[in-house]
Amino acid sequence: MPRALRRTCLAESLDRRVFDDVAWRRSDEELLQQALGYLVKKKSAADALHAHGITADADTVAAWRAKVHPGPEEQQRLQQVFRELRRRNIAPYLTRVLNADGGTRIEIHPVDQESVEARHRRDLRVRWKNIWRWNAIIAAWARQDSLEMEHLWRASW
């Protein structure tokens, strides 16, 4: 598997484990409500929102949940803030869970190849990998440090 695909697959597998916590596809409205609910509850959300140029306070975010929704561009930034904050907040828990009992086997799904010309597509299969120490991988994932994840992925094989 090419280097860029491995990095993407590992990060996407961790994202799936953390963000896709239901069996069905959520609507954009449900995703927005999830993000807004999380951002209303977390104390560190105000700093994360300001870091992304969103100057809303907790009351404004709560109002967005209730009635008036932010515009599409701001909704996209809110989703980004939610994912970054959730990654950072869940990283210690995820590390403990994945390190429990000596490590965890992870399922790595192939990257979607729809944008690849048909003649260049390959049959990519789901892969499984036992990883014994997740600390550095989860820390790099939480920081969205793809180069470090690539290094750690290579070292784990």
Protein backbone atom coordinates (compact mmCIF):
# COMPACT_ATOMS: atom_id res chain seq x y z
CA MET A 1 0.00 0.00 0.00
CA PRO A 2 1.52 3.41 -0.88
CA ARG A 3 2.79 5.51 2.03
CA ALA A 4 0.11 8.21 1.84
CA LEU A 5 -2.67 5.61 1.86
CA ARG A 6 -1.36 3.92 5.02
CA ARG A 7 -1.30 7.20 6.92
CA THR A 8 -4.80 8.09 5.77
CA CYS A 9 -6.16 4.63 6.52
CA LEU A 10 -4.83 4.59 10.08
CA ALA A 11 -6.15 8.07 10.85
CA GLU A 12 -9.50 7.26 9.22
CA SER A 13 -9.77 4.03 11.21
CA LEU A 14 -9.25 5.94 14.45
CA ASP A 15 -11.69 8.64 13.31
CA ARG A 16 -14.28 5.97 12.53
CA ARG A 17 -13.84 4.50 16.00
CA VAL A 18 -14.33 7.89 17.68
CA PHE A 19 -16.76 9.80 15.46
CA ASP A 20 -18.92 7.13 13.78
CA ASP A 21 -20.54 5.90 16.97
CA VAL A 22 -23.86 4.95 15.41
CA ALA A 23 -24.83 2.38 12.82
CA TRP A 24 -26.60 4.79 10.48
CA ARG A 25 -25.46 7.86 8.54
CA ARG A 26 -26.37 11.01 10.38
CA SER A 27 -27.94 13.95 8.61
CA ASP A 28 -26.10 17.27 8.45
CA GLU A 29 -28.55 18.62 11.03
CA GLU A 30 -27.78 15.75 13.44
CA LEU A 31 -24.04 16.25 12.97
CA LEU A 32 -24.40 19.98 13.64
CA GLN A 33 -26.46 19.34 16.78
CA GLN A 34 -23.87 16.83 18.01
CA ALA A 35 -21.05 19.34 17.47
CA LEU A 36 -22.95 22.22 19.08
CA GLY A 37 -23.96 20.07 22.07
CA TYR A 38 -20.35 19.06 22.62
CA LEU A 39 -19.10 22.64 22.27
CA VAL A 40 -21.68 23.92 24.77
CA LYS A 41 -20.61 21.36 27.40
CA LYS A 42 -16.82 21.65 27.22
CA LYS A 43 -14.98 24.40 29.11
CA SER A 44 -12.11 24.44 26.62
CA ALA A 45 -14.50 25.01 23.69
CA ALA A 46 -14.31 28.82 23.87
CA ASP A 47 -10.55 28.80 23.28
CA ALA A 48 -10.91 26.27 20.46
CA LEU A 49 -13.63 28.35 18.80
CA HIS A 50 -11.53 31.52 19.00
CA ALA A 51 -8.53 29.66 17.54
CA HIS A 52 -10.67 29.00 14.45
CA GLY A 53 -11.93 32.56 14.15
CA ILE A 54 -15.38 31.91 15.64
CA THR A 55 -16.12 34.69 18.11
CA ALA A 56 -19.32 33.20 19.51
CA ASP A 57 -19.71 32.81 23.25
CA ALA A 58 -21.45 29.90 25.01
CA ASP A 59 -24.83 31.65 24.85
CA THR A 60 -24.56 32.11 21.08
CA VAL A 61 -23.60 28.48 20.57
CA ALA A 62 -26.57 27.45 22.75
CA ALA A 63 -28.86 29.68 20.66
CA TRP A 64 -27.57 27.99 17.48
CA ARG A 65 -28.67 24.69 18.98
CA ALA A 66 -32.13 25.98 19.75
CA LYS A 67 -33.25 27.92 16.70
CA VAL A 68 -31.04 30.03 14.45
CA HIS A 69 -28.29 28.06 12.75
CA PRO A 70 -24.96 29.49 11.64
CA GLY A 71 -24.19 29.81 7.95
CA PRO A 72 -22.69 26.92 5.94
CA GLU A 73 -19.10 28.18 6.20
CA GLU A 74 -19.38 28.62 9.96
CA GLN A 75 -21.03 25.19 10.27
CA GLN A 76 -18.01 23.66 8.55
CA ARG A 77 -15.64 25.44 10.94
CA LEU A 78 -17.76 24.33 13.91
CA GLN A 79 -17.45 20.72 12.75
CA GLN A 80 -13.69 21.16 12.48
CA VAL A 81 -13.48 22.66 15.98
CA PHE A 82 -15.65 19.83 17.34
CA ARG A 83 -13.46 17.13 15.79
CA GLU A 84 -10.21 18.72 16.95
CA LEU A 85 -11.50 19.26 20.49
CA ARG A 86 -12.97 15.76 20.67
CA ARG A 87 -9.71 14.22 19.45
CA ARG A 88 -7.75 16.08 22.11
CA ASN A 89 -10.22 15.30 24.89
CA ILE A 90 -10.71 11.62 24.08
CA ALA A 91 -7.02 10.81 23.42
CA PRO A 92 -6.14 9.78 27.02
CA TYR A 93 -9.21 7.52 27.29
CA LEU A 94 -8.63 6.02 23.84
CA THR A 95 -4.98 5.32 24.70
CA ARG A 96 -6.00 3.48 27.89
CA VAL A 97 -8.64 1.42 26.06
CA LEU A 98 -6.39 0.47 23.14
CA ASN A 99 -3.43 -0.38 25.41
CA ALA A 100 -5.58 -2.53 27.75
CA ASP A 101 -4.79 -6.25 27.84
CA GLY A 102 -1.52 -5.78 25.97
CA GLY A 103 -2.78 -3.94 22.89
CA THR A 104 -5.59 -3.92 20.36
CA ARG A 105 -6.14 -5.21 16.86
CA ILE A 106 -7.31 -2.47 14.51
CA GLU A 107 -9.10 -2.84 11.21
CA ILE A 108 -7.65 -0.66 8.45
CA HIS A 109 -10.07 -0.05 5.58
CA PRO A 110 -8.80 0.80 2.10
CA VAL A 111 -9.08 4.34 0.84
CA ASP A 112 -11.90 5.12 -1.60
CA GLN A 113 -10.54 4.95 -5.13
CA GLU A 114 -13.40 6.61 -7.01
CA SER A 115 -11.17 9.50 -8.06
CA VAL A 116 -8.49 7.13 -9.37
CA GLU A 117 -8.57 6.30 -13.07
CA ALA A 118 -9.94 2.80 -13.62
CA ARG A 119 -6.71 1.52 -15.16
CA HIS A 120 -4.76 2.57 -12.04
CA ARG A 121 -7.15 1.15 -9.43
CA ARG A 122 -6.03 -1.80 -7.35
CA ASP A 123 -7.98 -4.30 -5.36
CA LEU A 124 -7.37 -3.09 -1.82
CA ARG A 125 -8.50 -5.27 1.03
CA VAL A 126 -9.25 -4.61 4.67
CA ARG A 127 -6.17 -5.22 6.80
CA TRP A 128 -5.84 -6.04 10.46
CA LYS A 129 -2.88 -5.06 12.58
CA ASN A 130 -2.11 -5.77 16.23
CA ILE A 131 -0.57 -2.72 17.86
CA TRP A 132 0.82 -3.21 21.35
CA ARG A 133 1.60 0.39 22.37
CA TRP A 134 -0.79 3.09 21.21
CA ASN A 135 0.51 6.07 23.22
CA ALA A 136 2.53 7.79 20.50
CA ILE A 137 0.07 6.91 17.71
CA ILE A 138 -2.91 8.37 19.58
CA ALA A 139 -0.91 11.49 20.53
CA ALA A 140 0.01 12.05 16.85
CA TRP A 141 -3.60 11.40 15.79
CA ALA A 142 -4.90 13.91 18.35
CA ARG A 143 -2.46 16.53 16.99
CA GLN A 144 -3.33 15.50 13.41
CA ASP A 145 0.38 15.04 12.80
CA SER A 146 0.33 12.90 9.67
CA LEU A 147 4.12 12.73 9.30
CA GLU A 148 4.53 11.34 12.82
CA MET A 149 1.71 8.85 12.19
CA GLU A 150 3.50 7.71 9.04
CA HIS A 151 6.73 7.20 10.99
CA LEU A 152 4.94 5.30 13.76
CA TRP A 153 3.03 3.20 11.24
CA ARG A 154 6.25 2.14 9.53
CA ALA A 155 7.83 1.34 12.89
CA SER A 156 4.88 -0.87 13.87
CA TRP A 157 5.39 -3.23 10.90
